[in-house]
Amino acid sequence: MKDISPRRRGDTEKAIGRKIREKTVTGKLNAAGFRFGIIVSHFNEFVTERLLRSAYDGLLRSGARDKDIQIVRVPGAFEIPSAARTLAETKKYDAIICLGCLLRGETAHYDVIVNEVTRGIGQSAQETGVPHAFGVLTCDTLEQAIDRAGLKMGNKGFEAALAAVEMANLKTAIGQQTSALSNNSPQKAVSRKPSAVSKSKTRKRSSSSKRRES
């Protein structure tokens, strides 16, 4: 049996790491040339406005032009998936950023809305093929939401914007790689064997030429 255990573990790990890097496709944090749609809910506007400002800033810092950013405001988080799908289906945007804030209350209303919003955004992304960044806060208290909108836990709007930029780049990179692979794939050799029809025609020609000679 062939010994496949690495003799020099360090060299083997370096070689594997190099191969992995060569075969890895990643998205860059460069928003130049891409168009983005931002869906933000009015409900809990004290929080969602902070998410919006940070997401907008994140896109500009990544190189997006002001005219390539479209902002759409909806009443609440429940309406985000519908608006996101509407934008995505226009095929004018390379990524959609979804921003909202849901706070747990005393009834099951919170769980129902969270499930529907999450499912709707994911379904819109899968069915339209346009990347959607999830920036909807789902918190137990207002303090938790504020912490995630620019205080102790950073700003989830900014993070969603960067995710959208990276996914827009990644989609383009995958498309380019797929196109390159299809162009470099060897084409099937065309069979040069004479078909049954051509054989039949050849026989007829030879028999008619023999009759003329006789």
Protein backbone atom coordinates (compact mmCIF):
# COMPACT_ATOMS: atom_id res chain seq x y z
CA MET A 1 0.00 0.00 0.00
CA LYS A 2 1.32 3.47 -0.94
CA ASP A 3 2.42 5.63 1.97
CA ILE A 4 0.48 8.91 1.75
CA SER A 5 1.51 10.32 5.12
CA PRO A 6 3.38 13.64 4.78
CA ARG A 7 7.08 13.34 5.57
CA ARG A 8 7.56 17.07 6.03
CA ARG A 9 4.35 18.37 7.54
CA GLY A 10 5.32 22.04 7.23
CA ASP A 11 6.03 21.85 3.50
CA THR A 12 2.85 19.88 2.86
CA GLU A 13 0.69 22.40 4.72
CA LYS A 14 2.27 25.27 2.78
CA ALA A 15 1.60 23.53 -0.52
CA ILE A 16 -2.02 22.83 0.43
CA GLY A 17 -2.48 26.40 1.62
CA ARG A 18 -1.09 27.72 -1.67
CA LYS A 19 -3.43 25.52 -3.71
CA ILE A 20 -6.41 26.59 -1.62
CA ARG A 21 -5.57 30.27 -2.18
CA GLU A 22 -5.21 29.69 -5.92
CA LYS A 23 -8.63 28.03 -6.13
CA THR A 24 -10.48 30.43 -3.82
CA VAL A 25 -12.80 33.07 -5.26
CA THR A 26 -13.56 36.01 -2.94
CA GLY A 27 -15.29 39.36 -3.28
CA LYS A 28 -13.42 42.62 -2.86
CA LEU A 29 -14.58 45.54 -0.74
CA ASN A 30 -14.74 47.85 -3.74
CA ALA A 31 -18.15 49.33 -4.55
CA ALA A 32 -17.02 51.29 -7.60
CA GLY A 33 -19.19 50.54 -10.62
CA PHE A 34 -21.93 48.79 -8.65
CA ARG A 35 -25.46 49.94 -7.81
CA PHE A 36 -27.08 49.34 -4.42
CA GLY A 37 -30.61 49.49 -3.06
CA ILE A 38 -31.24 50.16 0.64
CA ILE A 39 -34.58 49.16 2.17
CA VAL A 40 -35.14 50.70 5.61
CA SER A 41 -38.21 50.56 7.86
CA HIS A 42 -39.83 53.56 9.59
CA PHE A 43 -40.75 51.50 12.67
CA ASN A 44 -38.26 52.05 15.52
CA GLU A 45 -36.84 54.91 13.45
CA PHE A 46 -34.60 56.01 16.31
CA VAL A 47 -32.58 52.85 15.64
CA THR A 48 -33.11 52.29 11.91
CA GLU A 49 -31.96 55.83 11.05
CA ARG A 50 -28.63 55.07 12.68
CA LEU A 51 -28.38 51.86 10.69
CA LEU A 52 -29.16 53.74 7.48
CA ARG A 53 -26.60 56.48 8.04
CA SER A 54 -23.87 53.95 8.78
CA ALA A 55 -24.77 51.74 5.80
CA TYR A 56 -24.74 54.76 3.49
CA ASP A 57 -21.37 55.82 4.87
CA GLY A 58 -20.03 52.30 4.40
CA LEU A 59 -20.99 52.28 0.71
CA LEU A 60 -19.38 55.67 0.09
CA ARG A 61 -16.21 54.64 1.91
CA SER A 62 -16.07 51.53 -0.28
CA GLY A 63 -16.11 53.64 -3.44
CA ALA A 64 -19.80 53.74 -4.38
CA ARG A 65 -21.06 56.88 -6.08
CA ASP A 66 -23.92 58.81 -4.50
CA LYS A 67 -26.06 58.43 -7.64
CA ASP A 68 -25.66 54.63 -7.54
CA ILE A 69 -27.42 54.31 -4.16
CA GLN A 70 -31.22 54.13 -3.98
CA ILE A 71 -33.00 54.38 -0.61
CA VAL A 72 -36.53 53.02 -0.14
CA ARG A 73 -38.44 53.48 3.11
CA VAL A 74 -41.17 51.04 4.16
CA PRO A 75 -43.59 51.16 7.14
CA GLY A 76 -42.11 48.27 9.09
CA ALA A 77 -39.85 45.23 8.92
CA PHE A 78 -42.66 43.04 7.56
CA GLU A 79 -42.71 45.09 4.34
CA ILE A 80 -38.95 44.84 3.75
CA PRO A 81 -38.97 41.57 1.74
CA SER A 82 -41.62 42.83 -0.68
CA ALA A 83 -39.75 46.06 -1.38
CA ALA A 84 -36.45 44.21 -1.66
CA ARG A 85 -37.88 41.83 -4.26
CA THR A 86 -39.37 44.74 -6.22
CA LEU A 87 -35.96 46.39 -6.45
CA ALA A 88 -34.15 43.14 -7.20
CA GLU A 89 -36.52 42.22 -10.04
CA THR A 90 -35.68 45.43 -11.88
CA LYS A 91 -32.16 43.98 -12.41
CA LYS A 92 -30.78 47.49 -11.96
CA TYR A 93 -29.10 46.78 -8.62
CA ASP A 94 -26.11 44.58 -7.85
CA ALA A 95 -27.05 44.11 -4.18
CA ILE A 96 -29.87 44.99 -1.78
CA ILE A 97 -29.33 46.07 1.84
CA CYS A 98 -32.21 45.36 4.23
CA LEU A 99 -32.35 47.45 7.43
CA GLY A 100 -34.89 47.25 10.23
CA CYS A 101 -35.37 46.77 13.95
CA LEU A 102 -37.63 44.29 15.71
CA LEU A 103 -38.02 44.32 19.51
CA ARG A 104 -39.51 41.42 21.45
CA GLY A 105 -42.85 42.20 23.05
CA GLU A 106 -45.22 40.35 25.37
CA THR A 107 -46.96 38.38 22.60
CA ALA A 108 -45.93 35.96 19.85
CA HIS A 109 -46.15 38.77 17.29
CA TYR A 110 -42.36 39.22 17.43
CA ASP A 111 -41.60 35.58 16.52
CA VAL A 112 -44.07 35.59 13.62
CA ILE A 113 -42.63 38.77 12.11
CA VAL A 114 -39.00 37.69 12.58
CA ASN A 115 -39.63 34.38 10.81
CA GLU A 116 -41.49 35.99 7.92
CA VAL A 117 -38.93 38.75 7.40
CA THR A 118 -36.01 36.35 7.48
CA ARG A 119 -37.70 33.88 5.14
CA GLY A 120 -38.85 36.62 2.76
CA ILE A 121 -35.45 38.24 2.41
CA GLY A 122 -33.73 34.90 1.88
CA GLN A 123 -36.32 33.79 -0.67
CA SER A 124 -36.03 37.06 -2.57
CA ALA A 125 -32.25 36.68 -2.81
CA GLN A 126 -32.45 33.06 -3.97
CA GLU A 127 -35.18 33.55 -6.55
CA THR A 128 -33.92 36.81 -8.08
CA GLY A 129 -30.21 35.97 -7.97
CA VAL A 130 -29.42 39.40 -6.49
CA PRO A 131 -27.44 39.36 -3.20
CA HIS A 132 -29.36 40.64 -0.16
CA ALA A 133 -27.54 41.81 2.98
CA PHE A 134 -29.43 41.19 6.23
CA GLY A 135 -29.26 44.22 8.51
CA VAL A 136 -32.49 43.69 10.45
CA LEU A 137 -31.93 43.78 14.20
CA THR A 138 -33.86 41.21 16.25
CA CYS A 139 -33.39 42.20 19.88
CA ASP A 140 -35.07 41.64 23.22
CA THR A 141 -34.69 45.23 24.43
CA LEU A 142 -34.18 48.73 23.06
CA GLU A 143 -30.80 48.88 24.80
CA GLN A 144 -29.60 45.85 22.83
CA ALA A 145 -30.72 47.48 19.59
CA ILE A 146 -28.96 50.76 20.39
CA ASP A 147 -25.77 48.86 21.19
CA ARG A 148 -25.91 47.28 17.72
CA ALA A 149 -26.67 50.57 16.01
CA GLY A 150 -23.41 52.33 16.78
CA LEU A 151 -22.49 51.80 20.43
CA LYS A 152 -20.91 48.76 22.14
CA MET A 153 -21.53 46.19 19.39
CA GLY A 154 -20.56 48.33 16.39
CA ASN A 155 -23.11 49.17 13.72
CA LYS A 156 -24.93 46.38 11.89
CA GLY A 157 -25.89 48.78 9.12
CA PHE A 158 -22.23 49.34 8.28
CA GLU A 159 -21.58 45.58 8.39
CA ALA A 160 -24.53 44.90 6.08
CA ALA A 161 -23.21 47.47 3.59
CA LEU A 162 -19.79 45.82 3.50
CA ALA A 163 -21.41 42.41 3.07
CA ALA A 164 -23.42 43.76 0.12
CA VAL A 165 -20.29 45.19 -1.50
CA GLU A 166 -18.40 41.93 -1.07
CA MET A 167 -21.26 39.84 -2.45
CA ALA A 168 -21.69 42.11 -5.48
CA ASN A 169 -17.99 41.66 -6.26
CA LEU A 170 -18.15 37.93 -5.59
CA LYS A 171 -21.04 37.41 -8.00
CA THR A 172 -19.09 39.20 -10.74
CA ALA A 173 -15.93 37.20 -9.99
CA ILE A 174 -17.79 33.87 -10.12
CA GLY A 175 -19.39 34.87 -13.44
CA GLN A 176 -16.01 35.75 -14.92
CA GLN A 177 -14.43 32.52 -13.71
CA THR A 178 -17.30 30.44 -15.09
CA SER A 179 -16.99 32.20 -18.45
CA ALA A 180 -13.23 31.59 -18.53
CA LEU A 181 -13.68 27.90 -17.72
CA SER A 182 -16.26 27.45 -20.49
CA ASN A 183 -14.00 29.19 -23.01
CA ASN A 184 -11.01 27.03 -22.06
CA SER A 185 -12.89 23.72 -22.07
CA PRO A 186 -11.83 21.43 -24.96
CA GLN A 187 -14.40 21.12 -27.69
CA LYS A 188 -15.55 17.71 -28.82
CA ALA A 189 -13.75 16.49 -31.89
CA VAL A 190 -16.00 16.36 -34.93
CA SER A 191 -16.28 12.87 -36.34
CA ARG A 192 -14.94 12.62 -39.88
CA LYS A 193 -16.46 9.21 -40.56
CA PRO A 194 -18.60 9.23 -43.68
CA SER A 195 -22.28 8.89 -42.90
CA ALA A 196 -24.52 6.20 -44.31
CA VAL A 197 -26.08 8.75 -46.69
CA SER A 198 -22.72 9.87 -48.06
CA LYS A 199 -21.67 6.23 -48.53
CA SER A 200 -24.84 5.59 -50.51
CA LYS A 201 -24.22 8.64 -52.73
CA THR A 202 -20.63 7.52 -53.35
CA ARG A 203 -21.79 4.07 -54.48
CA LYS A 204 -24.34 5.59 -56.86
CA ARG A 205 -21.73 7.86 -58.44
CA SER A 206 -19.27 5.00 -58.92
CA SER A 207 -21.93 2.74 -60.46
CA SER A 208 -23.11 5.47 -62.87
CA SER A 209 -19.53 6.19 -63.95
CA LYS A 210 -18.99 2.49 -64.65
CA ARG A 211 -22.08 2.40 -66.87
CA ARG A 212 -20.80 5.35 -68.90
CA GLU A 213 -17.42 3.67 -69.46
CA SER A 214 -19.08 0.46 -70.65
